[in-house]
PDB file of N, CA and C in Angstrom:
ATOM      1  N   UNK A   1       3.857 -26.297 -33.855  1.00  0.00           N
ATOM      2  CA  UNK A   1       3.049 -26.513 -32.112  1.00  0.00           C
ATOM      3  C   UNK A   1       3.597 -25.329 -31.127  1.00  0.00           C
ATOM      4  N   UNK A   2       3.291 -25.432 -30.330  1.00  0.00           N
ATOM      5  CA  UNK A   2       3.966 -23.828 -29.501  1.00  0.00           C
ATOM      6  C   UNK A   2       4.349 -24.425 -27.889  1.00  0.00           C
ATOM      7  N   UNK A   3       5.605 -24.621 -27.577  1.00  0.00           N
ATOM      8  CA  UNK A   3       6.013 -24.954 -26.161  1.00  0.00           C
ATOM      9  C   UNK A   3       6.091 -24.066 -25.620  1.00  0.00           C
ATOM     10  N   UNK A   4       5.777 -23.852 -24.001  1.00  0.00           N
ATOM     11  CA  UNK A   4       5.314 -22.698 -23.275  1.00  0.00           C
ATOM     12  C   UNK A   4       6.643 -23.811 -22.165  1.00  0.00           C
ATOM     13  N   UNK A   5       7.284 -22.354 -21.640  1.00  0.00           N
ATOM     14  CA  UNK A   5       8.030 -23.728 -20.539  1.00  0.00           C
ATOM     15  C   UNK A   5       7.808 -22.661 -18.921  1.00  0.00           C
ATOM     16  N   UNK A   6       7.596 -23.876 -17.850  1.00  0.00           N
ATOM     17  CA  UNK A   6       6.859 -23.655 -17.035  1.00  0.00           C
ATOM     18  C   UNK A   6       7.767 -23.546 -15.577  1.00  0.00           C
ATOM     19  N   UNK A   7       6.873 -22.592 -15.106  1.00  0.00           N
ATOM     20  CA  UNK A   7       8.013 -21.557 -13.784  1.00  0.00           C
ATOM     21  C   UNK A   7       7.985 -22.450 -12.691  1.00  0.00           C
ATOM     22  N   UNK A   8       9.104 -23.159 -12.079  1.00  0.00           N
ATOM     23  CA  UNK A   8       9.220 -24.178 -11.691  1.00  0.00           C
ATOM     24  C   UNK A   8       9.107 -23.429  -9.849  1.00  0.00           C
ATOM     25  N   UNK A   9       8.915 -22.768  -9.358  1.00  0.00           N
ATOM     26  CA  UNK A   9       8.576 -21.974  -8.306  1.00  0.00           C
ATOM     27  C   UNK A   9       7.040 -22.154  -8.576  1.00  0.00           C
ATOM     28  N   UNK A  10       6.431 -21.729  -9.269  1.00  0.00           N
ATOM     29  CA  UNK A  10       5.071 -21.879  -9.233  1.00  0.00           C
ATOM     30  C   UNK A  10       4.215 -22.996  -8.471  1.00  0.00           C
ATOM     31  N   UNK A  11       3.360 -22.505  -7.980  1.00  0.00           N
ATOM     32  CA  UNK A  11       2.329 -22.964  -6.768  1.00  0.00           C
ATOM     33  C   UNK A  11       1.899 -24.929  -7.815  1.00  0.00           C
ATOM     34  N   UNK A  12       2.115 -25.697  -6.964  1.00  0.00           N
ATOM     35  CA  UNK A  12       1.137 -27.342  -7.908  1.00  0.00           C
ATOM     36  C   UNK A  12       0.057 -26.773  -8.480  1.00  0.00           C
ATOM     37  N   UNK A  13      -1.223 -27.380  -8.955  1.00  0.00           N
ATOM     38  CA  UNK A  13      -2.224 -27.922  -9.330  1.00  0.00           C
ATOM     39  C   UNK A  13      -2.542 -28.521  -8.274  1.00  0.00           C
ATOM     40  N   UNK A  14      -4.027 -28.182  -8.855  1.00  0.00           N
ATOM     41  CA  UNK A  14      -4.493 -28.738  -6.893  1.00  0.00           C
ATOM     42  C   UNK A  14      -5.078 -30.300  -8.581  1.00  0.00           C
ATOM     43  N   UNK A  15      -5.652 -31.273  -8.177  1.00  0.00           N
ATOM     44  CA  UNK A  15      -5.601 -32.235  -7.943  1.00  0.00           C
ATOM     45  C   UNK A  15      -6.969 -32.347  -8.993  1.00  0.00           C
ATOM     46  N   UNK A  16      -7.159 -33.080 -10.405  1.00  0.00           N
ATOM     47  CA  UNK A  16      -8.413 -32.951 -10.800  1.00  0.00           C
ATOM     48  C   UNK A  16      -8.747 -34.034 -10.145  1.00  0.00           C
ATOM     49  N   UNK A  17     -10.522 -34.688 -10.321  1.00  0.00           N
ATOM     50  CA  UNK A  17     -10.922 -35.643  -9.189  1.00  0.00           C
ATOM     51  C   UNK A  17      -9.982 -37.090 -10.924  1.00  0.00           C
ATOM     52  N   UNK A  18     -10.442 -38.339 -10.728  1.00  0.00           N
ATOM     53  CA  UNK A  18      -9.975 -39.308 -11.680  1.00  0.00           C
ATOM     54  C   UNK A  18     -11.256 -40.263 -11.683  1.00  0.00           C
ATOM     55  N   UNK A  19     -12.096 -40.755 -13.076  1.00  0.00           N
ATOM     56  CA  UNK A  19     -12.831 -41.829 -13.637  1.00  0.00           C
ATOM     57  C   UNK A  19     -13.441 -42.817 -11.854  1.00  0.00           C
ATOM     58  N   UNK A  20     -11.295 -42.801 -11.456  1.00  0.00           N
ATOM     59  CA  UNK A  20     -11.255 -44.164 -10.559  1.00  0.00           C
ATOM     60  C   UNK A  20     -11.933 -44.322  -9.664  1.00  0.00           C
ATOM     61  N   UNK A  21     -12.147 -42.884  -8.770  1.00  0.00           N
ATOM     62  CA  UNK A  21     -12.059 -42.410  -8.007  1.00  0.00           C
ATOM     63  C   UNK A  21     -13.868 -42.506  -7.368  1.00  0.00           C
ATOM     64  N   UNK A  22     -14.689 -42.487  -8.009  1.00  0.00           N
ATOM     65  CA  UNK A  22     -16.211 -42.606  -7.236  1.00  0.00           C
ATOM     66  C   UNK A  22     -16.060 -44.088  -6.870  1.00  0.00           C
ATOM     67  N   UNK A  23     -17.015 -44.024  -5.731  1.00  0.00           N
ATOM     68  CA  UNK A  23     -17.340 -44.514  -4.517  1.00  0.00           C
ATOM     69  C   UNK A  23     -18.242 -45.975  -5.345  1.00  0.00           C
ATOM     70  N   UNK A  24     -17.751 -46.748  -4.678  1.00  0.00           N
ATOM     71  CA  UNK A  24     -18.233 -48.155  -5.205  1.00  0.00           C
ATOM     72  C   UNK A  24     -19.343 -48.549  -4.369  1.00  0.00           C
ATOM     73  N   UNK A  25     -20.498 -49.315  -4.829  1.00  0.00           N
ATOM     74  CA  UNK A  25     -22.309 -49.380  -4.696  1.00  0.00           C
ATOM     75  C   UNK A  25     -21.850 -51.048  -3.778  1.00  0.00           C
ATOM     76  N   UNK A  26     -20.998 -51.496  -3.909  1.00  0.00           N
ATOM     77  CA  UNK A  26     -20.731 -52.069  -2.781  1.00  0.00           C
ATOM     78  C   UNK A  26     -20.516 -52.456  -1.057  1.00  0.00           C
ATOM     79  N   UNK A  27     -21.195 -52.620  -0.378  1.00  0.00           N
ATOM     80  CA  UNK A  27     -20.841 -52.193   0.893  1.00  0.00           C
ATOM     81  C   UNK A  27     -19.152 -52.452   1.955  1.00  0.00           C
ATOM     82  N   UNK A  28     -19.272 -53.720   1.370  1.00  0.00           N
ATOM     83  CA  UNK A  28     -18.364 -53.789   2.205  1.00  0.00           C
ATOM     84  C   UNK A  28     -17.171 -54.452   0.795  1.00  0.00           C
ATOM     85  N   UNK A  29     -15.656 -53.501   1.925  1.00  0.00           N
ATOM     86  CA  UNK A  29     -14.356 -53.973   0.436  1.00  0.00           C
ATOM     87  C   UNK A  29     -14.021 -55.474   0.284  1.00  0.00           C
ATOM     88  N   UNK A  30     -14.959 -56.258   1.239  1.00  0.00           N
ATOM     89  CA  UNK A  30     -14.568 -57.860   0.047  1.00  0.00           C
ATOM     90  C   UNK A  30     -15.371 -57.944  -0.104  1.00  0.00           C
ATOM     91  N   UNK A  31     -15.666 -57.436  -0.977  1.00  0.00           N
ATOM     92  CA  UNK A  31     -16.746 -57.636  -2.302  1.00  0.00           C
ATOM     93  C   UNK A  31     -16.532 -57.431  -3.293  1.00  0.00           C
ATOM     94  N   UNK A  32     -16.253 -55.911  -3.063  1.00  0.00           N
ATOM     95  CA  UNK A  32     -14.702 -55.602  -4.338  1.00  0.00           C
ATOM     96  C   UNK A  32     -13.576 -55.890  -4.707  1.00  0.00           C
ATOM     97  N   UNK A  33     -13.724 -56.731  -5.905  1.00  0.00           N
ATOM     98  CA  UNK A  33     -12.661 -57.547  -6.812  1.00  0.00           C
ATOM     99  C   UNK A  33     -11.644 -57.433  -7.147  1.00  0.00           C
ATOM    100  N   UNK A  34     -10.058 -57.184  -8.107  1.00  0.00           N
ATOM    101  CA  UNK A  34     -10.240 -56.109  -9.010  1.00  0.00           C
ATOM    102  C   UNK A  34      -9.440 -57.086  -9.942  1.00  0.00           C
ATOM    103  N   UNK A  35      -9.385 -58.207 -10.063  1.00  0.00           N
ATOM    104  CA  UNK A  35     -10.004 -59.022 -11.171  1.00  0.00           C
ATOM    105  C   UNK A  35     -11.311 -59.859 -11.123  1.00  0.00           C
ATOM    106  N   UNK A  36     -12.511 -59.773 -12.224  1.00  0.00           N
ATOM    107  CA  UNK A  36     -13.280 -60.328 -11.764  1.00  0.00           C
ATOM    108  C   UNK A  36     -12.885 -61.516 -12.850  1.00  0.00           C
ATOM    109  N   UNK A  37     -12.302 -62.682 -12.706  1.00  0.00           N
ATOM    110  CA  UNK A  37     -13.107 -63.569 -14.313  1.00  0.00           C
ATOM    111  C   UNK A  37     -14.460 -64.321 -14.580  1.00  0.00           C
ATOM    112  N   UNK A  38     -15.334 -63.142 -14.179  1.00  0.00           N
ATOM    113  CA  UNK A  38     -16.587 -64.270 -15.051  1.00  0.00           C
ATOM    114  C   UNK A  38     -16.462 -62.487 -15.918  1.00  0.00           C
ATOM    115  N   UNK A  39     -16.596 -61.347 -15.521  1.00  0.00           N
ATOM    116  CA  UNK A  39     -16.151 -60.710 -16.576  1.00  0.00           C
ATOM    117  C   UNK A  39     -15.331 -60.255 -17.721  1.00  0.00           C
ATOM    118  N   UNK A  40     -14.167 -61.540 -17.799  1.00  0.00           N
ATOM    119  CA  UNK A  40     -13.464 -61.598 -18.745  1.00  0.00           C
ATOM    120  C   UNK A  40     -14.145 -62.035 -20.063  1.00  0.00           C
ATOM    121  N   UNK A  41     -13.426 -61.495 -21.276  1.00  0.00           N
ATOM    122  CA  UNK A  41     -13.492 -61.876 -22.698  1.00  0.00           C
ATOM    123  C   UNK A  41     -13.346 -62.266 -23.464  1.00  0.00           C
ATOM    124  N   UNK A  42     -13.329 -62.747 -24.072  1.00  0.00           N
ATOM    125  CA  UNK A  42     -12.994 -64.106 -25.184  1.00  0.00           C
ATOM    126  C   UNK A  42     -11.066 -62.919 -25.404  1.00  0.00           C
ATOM    127  N   UNK A  43     -11.263 -62.118 -25.821  1.00  0.00           N
ATOM    128  CA  UNK A  43      -9.567 -60.968 -25.915  1.00  0.00           C
ATOM    129  C   UNK A  43      -8.810 -61.457 -24.868  1.00  0.00           C
ATOM    130  N   UNK A  44      -9.108 -61.480 -24.215  1.00  0.00           N
ATOM    131  CA  UNK A  44      -8.698 -61.296 -22.008  1.00  0.00           C
ATOM    132  C   UNK A  44      -7.860 -62.939 -22.263  1.00  0.00           C
ATOM    133  N   UNK A  45      -8.706 -64.088 -22.842  1.00  0.00           N
ATOM    134  CA  UNK A  45      -8.618 -65.514 -22.117  1.00  0.00           C
ATOM    135  C   UNK A  45      -7.691 -65.290 -23.092  1.00  0.00           C
ATOM    136  N   UNK A  46      -7.975 -64.737 -24.558  1.00  0.00           N
ATOM    137  CA  UNK A  46      -6.764 -64.818 -25.528  1.00  0.00           C
ATOM    138  C   UNK A  46      -5.477 -64.529 -25.175  1.00  0.00           C
ATOM    139  N   UNK A  47      -4.866 -63.470 -24.825  1.00  0.00           N
ATOM    140  CA  UNK A  47      -4.072 -62.344 -24.155  1.00  0.00           C
ATOM    141  C   UNK A  47      -3.231 -63.452 -23.445  1.00  0.00           C
ATOM    142  N   UNK A  48      -4.425 -64.105 -21.925  1.00  0.00           N
ATOM    143  CA  UNK A  48      -3.578 -64.963 -20.913  1.00  0.00           C
ATOM    144  C   UNK A  48      -2.603 -66.322 -21.881  1.00  0.00           C
ATOM    145  N   UNK A  49      -3.678 -66.897 -22.186  1.00  0.00           N
ATOM    146  CA  UNK A  49      -3.066 -67.825 -23.246  1.00  0.00           C
ATOM    147  C   UNK A  49      -1.828 -67.472 -23.703  1.00  0.00           C
ATOM    148  N   UNK A  50      -2.036 -66.311 -24.528  1.00  0.00           N
ATOM    149  CA  UNK A  50      -0.622 -66.110 -25.316  1.00  0.00           C
ATOM    150  C   UNK A  50       0.347 -66.040 -24.369  1.00  0.00           C
ATOM    151  N   UNK A  51       0.440 -65.662 -22.658  1.00  0.00           N
ATOM    152  CA  UNK A  51       1.574 -64.955 -22.130  1.00  0.00           C
ATOM    153  C   UNK A  51       1.705 -66.685 -21.504  1.00  0.00           C
ATOM    154  N   UNK A  52       0.827 -67.403 -20.817  1.00  0.00           N
ATOM    155  CA  UNK A  52       0.685 -68.190 -20.779  1.00  0.00           C
ATOM    156  C   UNK A  52       2.166 -69.182 -21.376  1.00  0.00           C
ATOM    157  N   UNK A  53       1.219 -69.121 -22.798  1.00  0.00           N
ATOM    158  CA  UNK A  53       1.645 -70.349 -23.027  1.00  0.00           C
ATOM    159  C   UNK A  53       3.789 -69.748 -23.712  1.00  0.00           C
ATOM    160  N   UNK A  54       4.269 -67.982 -23.625  1.00  0.00           N
ATOM    161  CA  UNK A  54       5.033 -67.573 -24.031  1.00  0.00           C
ATOM    162  C   UNK A  54       6.369 -68.353 -22.365  1.00  0.00           C
ATOM    163  N   UNK A  55       5.538 -68.373 -20.836  1.00  0.00           N
ATOM    164  CA  UNK A  55       6.115 -68.314 -19.262  1.00  0.00           C
ATOM    165  C   UNK A  55       6.400 -69.899 -19.807  1.00  0.00           C
ATOM    166  N   UNK A  56       5.056 -70.614 -20.578  1.00  0.00           N
ATOM    167  CA  UNK A  56       5.597 -71.997 -20.076  1.00  0.00           C
ATOM    168  C   UNK A  56       6.417 -71.995 -21.208  1.00  0.00           C
ATOM    169  N   UNK A  57       6.840 -71.648 -21.489  1.00  0.00           N
ATOM    170  CA  UNK A  57       8.264 -72.390 -22.458  1.00  0.00           C
ATOM    171  C   UNK A  57       9.387 -70.934 -23.162  1.00  0.00           C
ATOM    172  N   UNK A  58       9.486 -70.684 -21.787  1.00  0.00           N
ATOM    173  CA  UNK A  58      10.893 -70.813 -20.899  1.00  0.00           C
ATOM    174  C   UNK A  58      11.111 -68.653 -21.817  1.00  0.00           C
ATOM    175  N   UNK A  59      10.516 -68.566 -22.177  1.00  0.00           N
ATOM    176  CA  UNK A  59      10.337 -67.027 -23.083  1.00  0.00           C
ATOM    177  C   UNK A  59      10.699 -66.438 -22.814  1.00  0.00           C
ATOM    178  N   UNK A  60      12.092 -65.763 -23.497  1.00  0.00           N
ATOM    179  CA  UNK A  60      13.289 -64.722 -22.853  1.00  0.00           C
ATOM    180  C   UNK A  60      12.995 -63.568 -23.932  1.00  0.00           C
ATOM    181  N   UNK A  61      12.476 -63.346 -24.263  1.00  0.00           N
ATOM    182  CA  UNK A  61      10.954 -61.862 -24.869  1.00  0.00           C
ATOM    183  C   UNK A  61      10.793 -61.164 -23.504  1.00  0.00           C
ATOM    184  N   UNK A  62      11.355 -60.546 -23.095  1.00  0.00           N
ATOM    185  CA  UNK A  62      10.823 -59.805 -21.661  1.00  0.00           C
ATOM    186  C   UNK A  62      10.164 -58.142 -22.396  1.00  0.00           C
ATOM    187  N   UNK A  63      10.783 -58.074 -22.521  1.00  0.00           N
ATOM    188  CA  UNK A  63       9.597 -56.649 -23.657  1.00  0.00           C
ATOM    189  C   UNK A  63       8.448 -56.903 -24.151  1.00  0.00           C
ATOM    190  N   UNK A  64       8.432 -58.464 -24.819  1.00  0.00           N
ATOM    191  CA  UNK A  64       7.609 -59.586 -25.343  1.00  0.00           C
ATOM    192  C   UNK A  64       5.943 -58.952 -24.862  1.00  0.00           C
ATOM    193  N   UNK A  65       7.040 -59.677 -23.103  1.00  0.00           N
ATOM    194  CA  UNK A  65       5.746 -60.616 -22.362  1.00  0.00           C
ATOM    195  C   UNK A  65       4.918 -59.123 -21.610  1.00  0.00           C
ATOM    196  N   UNK A  66       6.318 -58.625 -21.552  1.00  0.00           N
ATOM    197  CA  UNK A  66       5.766 -56.399 -20.650  1.00  0.00           C
ATOM    198  C   UNK A  66       4.047 -56.399 -22.417  1.00  0.00           C
ATOM    199  N   UNK A  67       4.853 -55.746 -22.488  1.00  0.00           N
ATOM    200  CA  UNK A  67       3.575 -55.623 -23.880  1.00  0.00           C
ATOM    201  C   UNK A  67       2.804 -56.303 -24.149  1.00  0.00           C
ATOM    202  N   UNK A  68       2.777 -57.213 -23.561  1.00  0.00           N
ATOM    203  CA  UNK A  68       1.651 -58.685 -23.854  1.00  0.00           C
ATOM    204  C   UNK A  68       0.605 -58.595 -22.393  1.00  0.00           C
ATOM    205  N   UNK A  69       1.303 -58.228 -21.182  1.00  0.00           N
ATOM    206  CA  UNK A  69       1.114 -58.082 -19.711  1.00  0.00           C
ATOM    207  C   UNK A  69      -0.133 -55.944 -20.094  1.00  0.00           C
ATOM    208  N   UNK A  70       0.900 -55.850 -20.722  1.00  0.00           N
ATOM    209  CA  UNK A  70       0.127 -53.940 -20.829  1.00  0.00           C
ATOM    210  C   UNK A  70      -0.535 -53.742 -21.686  1.00  0.00           C
ATOM    211  N   UNK A  71      -1.043 -54.882 -22.450  1.00  0.00           N
ATOM    212  CA  UNK A  71      -2.374 -54.666 -23.026  1.00  0.00           C
ATOM    213  C   UNK A  71      -3.244 -55.566 -22.511  1.00  0.00           C
ATOM    214  N   UNK A  72      -3.289 -56.587 -22.215  1.00  0.00           N
ATOM    215  CA  UNK A  72      -3.678 -57.390 -21.442  1.00  0.00           C
ATOM    216  C   UNK A  72      -4.357 -56.737 -19.746  1.00  0.00           C
ATOM    217  N   UNK A  73      -3.402 -55.404 -19.336  1.00  0.00           N
ATOM    218  CA  UNK A  73      -4.661 -54.592 -17.482  1.00  0.00           C
ATOM    219  C   UNK A  73      -4.607 -53.401 -18.736  1.00  0.00           C
ATOM    220  N   UNK A  74      -4.455 -52.935 -19.629  1.00  0.00           N
ATOM    221  CA  UNK A  74      -5.232 -51.716 -19.879  1.00  0.00           C
ATOM    222  C   UNK A  74      -6.576 -51.502 -20.967  1.00  0.00           C
ATOM    223  N   UNK A  75      -7.138 -53.182 -20.781  1.00  0.00           N
ATOM    224  CA  UNK A  75      -8.297 -53.343 -21.168  1.00  0.00           C
ATOM    225  C   UNK A  75      -9.277 -53.418 -20.464  1.00  0.00           C
ATOM    226  N   UNK A  76      -9.058 -53.449 -19.633  1.00  0.00           N
ATOM    227  CA  UNK A  76     -10.183 -53.663 -17.960  1.00  0.00           C
ATOM    228  C   UNK A  76     -10.440 -51.604 -18.182  1.00  0.00           C
TER     229      UNK A  76
END
């Protein structure tokens, strides 16, 4: 594997267009929702149930809760 050290005084690269920066087909901002409950699949509901059960039981395992939350958010 070749490792190249970057020059700290070089000019920054122009940002590449993001996949999330595409314009929406909705006409108003109120029509856009971050989480649409109707689009949740069964694995999303299972992850939410596990997270809710752990929180309601008073779990102190914050790493597990963060990992499950990351899996839930990464599934979108």
